[in-house]
């Protein structure tokens, strides 16, 4: 159990204890002239205090005072001019739930009806703390699951067909490219809130666009292509100068699930599903000498057995990469050899090879994953001064959530699988609080805006792009 959950339980216990104390004192008539506990319209309603003083939407709150009565139906509470849910009322205490977006924090209590109603304000304001929540940025489907695929504004662009890969343009943070497995490359422009289709699958002769990467100089885009021919296209390269609409074959083999560029030294790494091959291509030499052909790459190692589907995510420091093994439910780490400018034999950091796709938070092989997909590195301010300052967030298709992997190999759940009071399913389409409300349906794509601290999720079966950010 993490610290946040422990604190929530402790806070709830304190609230219930304080409310119980309040109830007992009310029953004894302590500080209350209405010994029966019923609301007395001839006496003033007063608010003396509330606890806790700060919190977010969904926070439990106890309001203390006099003459609240014991009939919940005639008591209402507003916090920040938003209606709070009243759970229980006794003459000296009201137990309620802080509403979402109660930003201004004024605490208002109303008791009675019609001519007997009294309204009183607390002297202090509740310190509302904004929560991280899941919302929908763009894309939608109807009640039958049908959707149009079209260019347009975020509000009217229809739905997205398999949004499996998301990446920001490193030269323009207002542009978010989306790879659609089996479809075209879409572009979300945050400057004018539009969706366009700048790159079609036919431009490069691609079968399945799996991943998108950019070269170190930011001037070229690399697309990983998954197809069956050993002489087919594994990666393509296109130039910014031509709007990335001039793809050329960069490397040739079959069944490439992903390609990534080293952020410091610039070489290209890509894979093949065939035997789990991990390849290195000297992209620097390709640019400088133009003496490399489409087969001039080096096999570094194989992971496990044949038919291992995986993607490669290199840390911003370049010190290591995570190999996300999609179809076998685990993640490897490969460390970078700075002397030889290459990656070394990988080892498991979380999940268990060949284990079933369960949902278990834990450390190392005790954790259980189900079809992990795209991941992003997020700097954690709590790690300042440590060798590795990044957590790895990844979308998880099979468990319908977003997970976090720490440098020590600990896996926790960040968002999704909420709303258990509605039904027991872990999947669905619900916006709201990260863990208690929000649901995804087979999320695959994940991008992170490190300036605004916002996540974007390619929610495949909901055919939309979700957003994880502070509520507004």
Protein backbone atom coordinates (compact mmCIF):
# COMPACT_ATOMS: atom_id res chain seq x y z
CA UNK A 1 0.00 0.00 0.00
CA UNK A 2 1.49 3.35 -1.02
CA UNK A 3 1.79 6.44 1.16
CA UNK A 4 -1.09 8.27 -0.52
CA UNK A 5 -3.51 5.43 0.14
CA UNK A 6 -2.36 5.16 3.72
CA UNK A 7 -2.87 8.88 4.23
CA UNK A 8 -6.36 8.70 2.74
CA UNK A 9 -7.30 5.91 5.13
CA UNK A 10 -5.84 7.79 8.10
CA UNK A 11 -7.73 10.95 7.12
CA UNK A 12 -10.98 9.02 6.77
CA UNK A 13 -10.51 7.41 10.19
CA UNK A 14 -9.87 10.82 11.74
CA UNK A 15 -12.97 12.25 10.08
CA UNK A 16 -15.16 9.40 11.26
CA UNK A 17 -13.74 9.66 14.77
CA UNK A 18 -14.36 13.39 14.88
CA UNK A 19 -17.86 12.96 13.52
CA UNK A 20 -18.58 10.24 16.06
CA UNK A 21 -17.37 12.56 18.83
CA UNK A 22 -19.56 15.29 17.44
CA UNK A 23 -22.57 12.95 17.36
CA UNK A 24 -22.04 11.81 20.95
CA UNK A 25 -21.72 15.38 22.21
CA UNK A 26 -24.86 16.34 20.33
CA UNK A 27 -26.79 13.46 21.85
CA UNK A 28 -25.67 14.59 25.27
CA UNK A 29 -26.87 18.10 24.48
CA UNK A 30 -23.38 19.53 24.71
CA UNK A 31 -23.33 23.05 23.26
CA UNK A 32 -26.74 22.60 21.69
CA UNK A 33 -30.04 23.87 23.01
CA UNK A 34 -32.09 21.49 20.86
CA UNK A 35 -31.70 18.36 22.91
CA UNK A 36 -33.91 16.32 20.59
CA UNK A 37 -31.39 16.80 17.76
CA UNK A 38 -34.05 18.20 15.44
CA UNK A 39 -33.50 21.44 13.58
CA UNK A 40 -34.99 24.41 15.46
CA UNK A 41 -35.90 27.26 13.05
CA UNK A 42 -36.14 29.71 15.95
CA UNK A 43 -32.47 29.30 16.78
CA UNK A 44 -29.51 30.34 14.70
CA UNK A 45 -27.52 27.86 12.63
CA UNK A 46 -23.82 28.37 13.19
CA UNK A 47 -20.65 26.99 11.62
CA UNK A 48 -17.71 26.94 14.01
CA UNK A 49 -15.10 24.96 12.05
CA UNK A 50 -14.45 22.28 9.43
CA UNK A 51 -11.81 19.60 8.88
CA UNK A 52 -9.60 19.08 6.96
CA UNK A 53 -8.72 22.55 5.74
CA UNK A 54 -7.36 21.48 2.35
CA UNK A 55 -7.94 18.74 -0.20
CA UNK A 56 -9.26 17.98 -3.65
CA UNK A 57 -12.48 16.81 -5.22
CA UNK A 58 -13.74 13.69 -3.46
CA UNK A 59 -12.16 14.69 -0.16
CA UNK A 60 -14.23 13.79 2.96
CA UNK A 61 -15.09 16.87 5.02
CA UNK A 62 -16.67 17.36 8.45
CA UNK A 63 -18.34 20.69 9.21
CA UNK A 64 -18.84 21.57 12.90
CA UNK A 65 -21.44 23.89 14.35
CA UNK A 66 -24.89 24.07 15.96
CA UNK A 67 -28.49 23.43 15.03
CA UNK A 68 -27.90 21.40 11.87
CA UNK A 69 -30.62 19.00 12.96
CA UNK A 70 -30.65 15.34 11.98
CA UNK A 71 -32.69 15.38 8.77
CA UNK A 72 -30.32 15.13 5.81
CA UNK A 73 -33.09 16.03 3.36
CA UNK A 74 -33.23 19.64 4.58
CA UNK A 75 -29.46 20.21 4.66
CA UNK A 76 -27.34 21.27 1.71
CA UNK A 77 -23.71 22.33 1.46
CA UNK A 78 -21.85 24.30 -1.18
CA UNK A 79 -18.07 24.50 -1.37
CA UNK A 80 -16.60 26.98 -3.81
CA UNK A 81 -20.18 27.55 -5.03
CA UNK A 82 -20.39 23.88 -6.06
CA UNK A 83 -22.88 21.43 -4.56
CA UNK A 84 -21.24 19.04 -2.09
CA UNK A 85 -22.65 15.56 -1.46
CA UNK A 86 -24.02 15.36 2.09
CA UNK A 87 -23.47 11.89 3.57
CA UNK A 88 -24.77 12.31 7.10
CA UNK A 89 -26.02 15.03 9.44
CA UNK A 90 -26.27 15.34 13.20
CA UNK A 91 -26.99 18.45 15.16
CA UNK A 92 -23.37 19.46 15.66
CA UNK A 93 -21.78 17.99 12.52
CA UNK A 94 -22.21 17.48 8.77
CA UNK A 95 -20.24 14.82 6.94
CA UNK A 96 -19.93 15.64 3.22
CA UNK A 97 -17.77 15.15 0.12
CA UNK A 98 -15.92 18.05 -1.49
CA UNK A 99 -17.15 18.57 -5.08
CA UNK A 100 -14.85 18.77 -8.08
CA UNK A 101 -13.53 22.18 -9.15
CA UNK A 102 -14.46 23.91 -5.89
CA UNK A 103 -11.66 26.34 -6.58
CA UNK A 104 -12.71 29.37 -4.51
CA UNK A 105 -13.36 27.27 -1.40
CA UNK A 106 -16.20 29.18 0.34
CA UNK A 107 -18.10 26.82 2.66
CA UNK A 108 -21.86 27.48 2.69
CA UNK A 109 -24.40 25.56 4.78
CA UNK A 110 -28.16 25.70 4.23
CA UNK A 111 -30.59 24.16 6.74
CA UNK A 112 -34.39 24.10 6.51
CA UNK A 113 -36.89 24.67 3.71
CA UNK A 114 -38.82 27.66 2.43
CA UNK A 115 -39.44 30.19 5.20
CA UNK A 116 -37.53 28.15 7.80
CA UNK A 117 -34.32 28.00 5.76
CA UNK A 118 -31.14 29.48 7.17
CA UNK A 119 -27.89 30.00 5.30
CA UNK A 120 -24.56 30.47 7.04
CA UNK A 121 -21.00 30.78 5.76
CA UNK A 122 -17.87 29.47 7.43
CA UNK A 123 -15.39 32.16 8.38
CA UNK A 124 -12.54 30.27 6.68
CA UNK A 125 -12.32 28.99 3.12
CA UNK A 126 -11.44 25.44 2.10
CA UNK A 127 -8.06 25.25 0.36
CA UNK A 128 -8.98 23.42 -2.83
CA UNK A 129 -6.10 21.48 -4.39
CA UNK A 130 -6.43 20.66 -8.06
CA UNK A 131 -6.20 16.97 -8.94
CA UNK A 132 -4.80 15.21 -11.94
CA UNK A 133 -7.79 14.01 -13.98
CA UNK A 134 -8.48 12.23 -17.24
CA UNK A 135 -10.44 14.11 -19.90
CA UNK A 136 -11.03 13.66 -23.63
CA UNK A 137 -9.06 15.87 -26.03
CA UNK A 138 -10.32 14.72 -29.43
CA UNK A 139 -12.14 11.88 -31.11
CA UNK A 140 -15.39 10.11 -30.39
CA UNK A 141 -17.70 7.26 -31.37
CA UNK A 142 -21.45 6.89 -31.14
CA UNK A 143 -23.46 4.57 -28.87
CA UNK A 144 -23.07 1.71 -31.37
CA UNK A 145 -19.31 2.15 -31.61
CA UNK A 146 -19.40 3.78 -35.06
CA UNK A 147 -17.15 6.72 -35.90
CA UNK A 148 -15.98 8.79 -38.85
CA UNK A 149 -12.31 9.30 -39.67
CA UNK A 150 -11.83 12.81 -40.97
CA UNK A 151 -9.72 15.91 -40.65
CA UNK A 152 -11.13 18.81 -38.66
CA UNK A 153 -11.03 20.52 -35.30
CA UNK A 154 -10.55 18.58 -32.10
CA UNK A 155 -14.31 18.85 -31.58
CA UNK A 156 -15.41 17.50 -34.98
CA UNK A 157 -12.58 15.30 -36.31
CA UNK A 158 -14.54 12.08 -35.81
CA UNK A 159 -12.76 9.09 -34.29
CA UNK A 160 -9.25 7.71 -34.63
CA UNK A 161 -8.43 4.33 -36.11
CA UNK A 162 -5.98 2.58 -33.79
CA UNK A 163 -3.94 5.51 -32.33
CA UNK A 164 -0.99 3.37 -31.27
CA UNK A 165 1.95 5.79 -31.27
CA UNK A 166 2.21 9.42 -30.16
CA UNK A 167 5.25 11.67 -30.40
CA UNK A 168 5.78 15.43 -30.22
CA UNK A 169 7.73 17.15 -32.97
CA UNK A 170 11.02 18.01 -31.20
CA UNK A 171 11.24 21.26 -33.20
CA UNK A 172 7.66 22.33 -32.48
CA UNK A 173 6.02 21.29 -29.20
CA UNK A 174 2.60 22.32 -30.54
CA UNK A 175 2.63 19.43 -33.03
CA UNK A 176 1.79 15.90 -31.92
CA UNK A 177 2.19 13.15 -34.51
CA UNK A 178 0.06 10.02 -34.24
CA UNK A 179 0.92 6.69 -35.83
CA UNK A 180 -2.08 4.47 -36.56
CA UNK A 181 -1.24 0.78 -36.82
CA UNK A 182 -2.51 -0.17 -40.26
CA UNK A 183 -3.43 3.44 -41.11
CA UNK A 184 -1.99 6.84 -41.86
CA UNK A 185 0.00 9.33 -39.77
CA UNK A 186 -2.26 12.00 -38.27
CA UNK A 187 -1.16 15.35 -36.84
CA UNK A 188 -2.70 17.15 -33.87
CA UNK A 189 -1.92 20.86 -33.98
CA UNK A 190 -2.40 22.55 -30.61
CA UNK A 191 -1.99 26.02 -32.11
CA UNK A 192 -5.33 25.86 -33.93
CA UNK A 193 -6.80 22.69 -32.33
CA UNK A 194 -6.98 20.80 -35.62
CA UNK A 195 -6.34 17.26 -36.82
CA UNK A 196 -4.89 16.66 -40.28
CA UNK A 197 -3.39 13.74 -42.24
CA UNK A 198 -0.01 14.92 -43.55
CA UNK A 199 1.48 11.47 -44.20
CA UNK A 200 -0.43 8.59 -45.78
CA UNK A 201 0.50 4.95 -45.66
CA UNK A 202 0.81 4.85 -49.45
CA UNK A 203 3.57 7.48 -49.48
CA UNK A 204 6.07 5.02 -48.09
CA UNK A 205 4.52 1.78 -49.24
CA UNK A 206 4.05 0.82 -45.59
CA UNK A 207 2.01 -2.15 -44.41
CA UNK A 208 1.81 -1.31 -40.71
CA UNK A 209 3.21 1.90 -39.29
CA UNK A 210 4.40 0.88 -35.82
CA UNK A 211 6.52 3.71 -34.38
CA UNK A 212 7.72 7.21 -35.24
CA UNK A 213 11.07 8.69 -34.18
CA UNK A 214 13.16 11.75 -34.99
CA UNK A 215 16.88 12.01 -35.66
CA UNK A 216 19.15 13.78 -33.20
CA UNK A 217 19.27 16.91 -35.36
CA UNK A 218 15.42 16.96 -35.43
CA UNK A 219 15.46 17.26 -39.22
CA UNK A 220 14.37 13.75 -40.17
CA UNK A 221 11.53 11.42 -39.24
CA UNK A 222 11.98 7.67 -39.05
CA UNK A 223 9.00 5.34 -39.39
CA UNK A 224 9.14 1.67 -38.39
CA UNK A 225 7.18 -0.59 -40.72
CA UNK A 226 5.91 -4.09 -39.93
CA UNK A 227 5.56 -6.44 -42.90
CA UNK A 228 6.43 -10.02 -43.74
CA UNK A 229 8.99 -9.83 -46.56
CA UNK A 230 12.68 -10.20 -45.58
CA UNK A 231 13.46 -7.70 -48.34
CA UNK A 232 10.69 -5.39 -47.25
CA UNK A 233 10.85 -2.05 -45.50
CA UNK A 234 11.78 -2.12 -41.83
CA UNK A 235 12.47 1.61 -41.45
CA UNK A 236 12.00 4.66 -43.66
CA UNK A 237 13.49 8.15 -43.39
CA UNK A 238 11.98 11.45 -44.55
CA UNK A 239 13.07 15.08 -44.29
CA UNK A 240 11.60 18.09 -42.54
CA UNK A 241 12.56 20.20 -45.54
CA UNK A 242 9.96 18.32 -47.56
CA UNK A 243 7.33 18.16 -44.84
CA UNK A 244 8.26 14.53 -44.11
CA UNK A 245 6.48 13.60 -47.34
CA UNK A 246 9.56 12.17 -49.09
CA UNK A 247 10.14 8.79 -47.39
CA UNK A 248 13.06 6.65 -48.51
CA UNK A 249 13.90 3.12 -47.39
CA UNK A 250 16.53 3.30 -44.64
CA UNK A 251 16.84 -0.36 -43.58
CA UNK A 252 15.34 -3.50 -45.01
CA UNK A 253 14.15 -6.64 -43.25
CA UNK A 254 10.83 -7.93 -42.01
CA UNK A 255 8.46 -7.56 -39.07
CA UNK A 256 9.89 -4.44 -37.45
CA UNK A 257 7.89 -3.48 -34.37
CA UNK A 258 9.85 -0.38 -33.41
CA UNK A 259 12.80 1.92 -34.05
CA UNK A 260 14.49 4.46 -31.80
CA UNK A 261 17.38 6.94 -32.11
CA UNK A 262 20.01 7.37 -29.40
CA UNK A 263 19.43 10.91 -28.05
CA UNK A 264 23.13 11.65 -27.50
CA UNK A 265 25.13 9.71 -30.06
CA UNK A 266 22.50 9.50 -32.77
CA UNK A 267 22.66 5.88 -33.99
CA UNK A 268 19.47 3.99 -34.89
CA UNK A 269 18.19 0.84 -33.17
CA UNK A 270 15.38 -1.31 -34.50
CA UNK A 271 14.08 -4.85 -34.16
CA UNK A 272 12.52 -7.82 -35.90
CA UNK A 273 9.70 -9.93 -34.53
CA UNK A 274 11.03 -12.95 -36.46
CA UNK A 275 13.62 -14.13 -33.92
CA UNK A 276 13.61 -11.21 -31.49
CA UNK A 277 16.59 -9.56 -33.21
CA UNK A 278 17.89 -6.20 -31.92
CA UNK A 279 19.74 -4.26 -34.63
CA UNK A 280 22.07 -1.25 -34.69
CA UNK A 281 22.38 1.05 -37.74
CA UNK A 282 25.09 3.72 -37.91
CA UNK A 283 22.91 6.68 -38.79
CA UNK A 284 25.80 9.12 -38.40
CA UNK A 285 27.80 7.36 -41.09
CA UNK A 286 24.70 7.25 -43.27
CA UNK A 287 24.44 11.04 -43.14
CA UNK A 288 28.16 11.85 -43.27
CA UNK A 289 29.51 9.41 -45.85
CA UNK A 290 26.41 8.14 -47.66
CA UNK A 291 28.13 4.77 -47.83
CA UNK A 292 25.60 2.56 -46.06
CA UNK A 293 23.05 0.41 -47.81
CA UNK A 294 19.68 -0.76 -46.56
CA UNK A 295 21.19 -4.02 -45.27
CA UNK A 296 24.24 -2.47 -43.58
CA UNK A 297 23.14 -2.93 -39.99
CA UNK A 298 24.49 -5.03 -37.14
CA UNK A 299 22.64 -7.59 -35.04
CA UNK A 300 23.53 -7.00 -31.37
CA UNK A 301 21.50 -9.76 -29.71
CA UNK A 302 18.22 -11.67 -29.67
CA UNK A 303 15.73 -11.56 -26.82
CA UNK A 304 14.27 -14.85 -25.60
CA UNK A 305 12.66 -16.95 -28.33
CA UNK A 306 11.17 -16.37 -31.77
CA UNK A 307 8.14 -14.13 -32.30
CA UNK A 308 8.84 -11.65 -29.53
CA UNK A 309 7.03 -8.36 -30.31
CA UNK A 310 8.86 -5.45 -28.76
CA UNK A 311 9.57 -1.73 -28.90
CA UNK A 312 12.66 0.22 -27.83
CA UNK A 313 12.53 3.28 -25.55
CA UNK A 314 15.87 4.99 -24.90
CA UNK A 315 16.26 7.12 -21.76
CA UNK A 316 16.88 10.86 -22.33
CA UNK A 317 20.36 10.48 -20.84
CA UNK A 318 21.16 7.69 -23.28
CA UNK A 319 22.47 5.51 -20.44
CA UNK A 320 20.01 2.69 -21.04
CA UNK A 321 16.90 1.64 -22.93
CA UNK A 322 13.79 -0.26 -21.98
CA UNK A 323 12.69 -3.03 -24.31
CA UNK A 324 8.92 -3.29 -23.93
CA UNK A 325 7.93 -6.83 -24.86
CA UNK A 326 4.31 -6.40 -25.85
CA UNK A 327 3.13 -9.94 -26.47
CA UNK A 328 5.02 -11.55 -23.58
CA UNK A 329 4.06 -9.07 -20.85
CA UNK A 330 7.40 -7.88 -19.48
CA UNK A 331 10.04 -5.16 -19.83
CA UNK A 332 13.79 -5.60 -20.29
CA UNK A 333 16.59 -3.12 -19.75
CA UNK A 334 19.69 -2.85 -21.89
CA UNK A 335 22.58 -0.66 -20.72
CA UNK A 336 24.56 1.54 -23.07
CA UNK A 337 28.29 1.02 -23.63
CA UNK A 338 29.56 4.56 -24.12
CA UNK A 339 32.99 3.42 -25.26
CA UNK A 340 31.70 1.27 -28.11
CA UNK A 341 28.55 3.29 -28.70
CA UNK A 342 26.19 0.36 -28.52
CA UNK A 343 23.73 -1.41 -26.25
CA UNK A 344 24.58 -4.55 -24.28
CA UNK A 345 22.76 -7.80 -23.48
CA UNK A 346 19.41 -7.01 -21.80
CA UNK A 347 17.93 -8.25 -18.52
CA UNK A 348 14.42 -8.29 -17.07
CA UNK A 349 13.37 -5.33 -14.90
CA UNK A 350 9.65 -6.01 -14.43
CA UNK A 351 7.04 -8.58 -15.30
CA UNK A 352 7.80 -12.21 -15.99
CA UNK A 353 8.49 -13.67 -19.45
CA UNK A 354 5.71 -15.96 -20.64
CA UNK A 355 3.63 -15.24 -17.54
CA UNK A 356 -0.06 -14.58 -17.98
CA UNK A 357 -1.26 -11.06 -18.47
CA UNK A 358 -2.52 -10.35 -14.96
CA UNK A 359 -2.68 -6.98 -13.18
CA UNK A 360 -0.36 -6.90 -10.17
CA UNK A 361 1.63 -3.94 -8.88
CA UNK A 362 4.96 -4.98 -7.41
CA UNK A 363 8.72 -4.99 -7.77
CA UNK A 364 10.58 -6.73 -10.57
CA UNK A 365 9.25 -10.12 -11.58
CA UNK A 366 6.56 -9.91 -8.88
CA UNK A 367 4.72 -7.35 -11.02
CA UNK A 368 2.32 -8.60 -13.67
CA UNK A 369 1.71 -6.81 -16.96
CA UNK A 370 -0.66 -7.36 -19.87
CA UNK A 371 0.41 -6.12 -23.29
CA UNK A 372 2.49 -3.10 -22.26
CA UNK A 373 2.82 -0.64 -25.10
CA UNK A 374 4.28 2.84 -25.66
CA UNK A 375 6.23 4.42 -22.81
CA UNK A 376 7.66 7.85 -21.95
CA UNK A 377 10.34 9.01 -19.53
CA UNK A 378 9.22 11.58 -16.97
CA UNK A 379 11.66 13.40 -14.72
CA UNK A 380 10.75 12.93 -11.05
CA UNK A 381 11.75 15.92 -8.87
CA UNK A 382 12.03 13.59 -5.87
CA UNK A 383 15.01 11.93 -7.57
CA UNK A 384 17.03 15.14 -7.92
CA UNK A 385 20.72 14.40 -7.48
CA UNK A 386 20.34 10.67 -8.11
CA UNK A 387 21.98 8.86 -11.00
CA UNK A 388 18.63 8.23 -12.68
CA UNK A 389 16.01 10.97 -12.30
CA UNK A 390 13.35 9.42 -14.56
CA UNK A 391 10.29 7.28 -14.05
CA UNK A 392 8.97 5.37 -17.04
CA UNK A 393 5.23 5.70 -17.68
CA UNK A 394 3.71 3.23 -20.12
CA UNK A 395 0.31 2.51 -21.61
CA UNK A 396 -0.95 -1.00 -21.01
CA UNK A 397 -3.39 -2.35 -23.54
CA UNK A 398 -4.49 -5.52 -21.77
CA UNK A 399 -5.02 -3.98 -18.34
CA UNK A 400 -6.61 -0.76 -19.67
CA UNK A 401 -4.39 1.56 -17.67
CA UNK A 402 -1.24 3.66 -17.44
CA UNK A 403 1.51 2.20 -15.24
CA UNK A 404 4.72 3.62 -13.74
CA UNK A 405 8.08 1.85 -13.63
CA UNK A 406 10.65 3.34 -11.25
CA UNK A 407 14.43 3.03 -11.71
CA UNK A 408 14.38 0.37 -8.96
CA UNK A 409 11.93 -1.78 -10.92
CA UNK A 410 8.79 -0.99 -8.92
CA UNK A 411 5.55 -0.98 -10.91
CA UNK A 412 2.48 0.96 -9.76
CA UNK A 413 -0.76 1.97 -11.46
CA UNK A 414 -1.05 5.64 -12.37
CA UNK A 415 -4.43 5.92 -14.10
CA UNK A 416 -7.37 3.82 -15.21
CA UNK A 417 -9.49 0.88 -13.96
CA UNK A 418 -11.66 3.15 -11.80
CA UNK A 419 -15.39 3.45 -11.13
CA UNK A 420 -15.79 0.05 -9.47
CA UNK A 421 -19.12 1.18 -8.07
CA UNK A 422 -20.55 1.23 -11.61
CA UNK A 423 -19.52 -2.27 -12.66
CA UNK A 424 -16.56 -4.60 -12.06
CA UNK A 425 -15.04 -4.15 -15.53
CA UNK A 426 -11.56 -2.57 -15.65
CA UNK A 427 -12.25 -1.06 -19.08
CA UNK A 428 -14.66 1.55 -20.38
CA UNK A 429 -14.91 5.20 -21.29
CA UNK A 430 -15.07 7.40 -18.20
CA UNK A 431 -13.36 10.72 -17.55
CA UNK A 432 -12.47 11.79 -14.02
CA UNK A 433 -10.07 11.15 -11.16
CA UNK A 434 -7.08 9.02 -12.13
CA UNK A 435 -7.71 5.89 -10.09
CA UNK A 436 -11.20 6.17 -8.65
CA UNK A 437 -13.13 7.18 -11.77
CA UNK A 438 -11.19 7.11 -15.06
CA UNK A 439 -11.36 4.20 -17.46
CA UNK A 440 -9.66 3.44 -20.76
CA UNK A 441 -10.29 0.73 -23.33
CA UNK A 442 -7.04 -0.75 -24.66
CA UNK A 443 -4.75 2.30 -24.50
CA UNK A 444 -1.57 1.99 -26.55
CA UNK A 445 -0.12 5.39 -27.46
CA UNK A 446 1.39 7.68 -24.81
CA UNK A 447 3.09 11.08 -25.06
CA UNK A 448 4.19 13.57 -22.40
CA UNK A 449 4.46 17.35 -22.54
CA UNK A 450 7.23 18.05 -20.03
CA UNK A 451 6.58 21.81 -20.06
CA UNK A 452 2.86 21.66 -19.22
CA UNK A 453 3.15 18.32 -17.37
CA UNK A 454 0.37 16.80 -19.46
CA UNK A 455 0.01 13.23 -20.74
CA UNK A 456 -1.80 12.27 -23.96
CA UNK A 457 -3.15 8.75 -24.40
CA UNK A 458 -4.09 6.95 -27.60
CA UNK A 459 -7.21 5.16 -26.33
CA UNK A 460 -7.62 2.64 -29.13
CA UNK A 461 -11.02 1.02 -28.57
CA UNK A 462 -12.55 4.35 -27.57
CA UNK A 463 -11.11 5.79 -30.81
CA UNK A 464 -10.00 8.99 -29.15
CA UNK A 465 -7.12 10.86 -27.57
CA UNK A 466 -7.40 11.27 -23.81
CA UNK A 467 -5.62 13.88 -21.73
CA UNK A 468 -4.21 13.56 -18.20
CA UNK A 469 -3.64 16.92 -16.53
CA UNK A 470 -4.59 19.14 -13.61
CA UNK A 471 -8.31 19.82 -13.64
CA UNK A 472 -9.36 23.21 -14.93
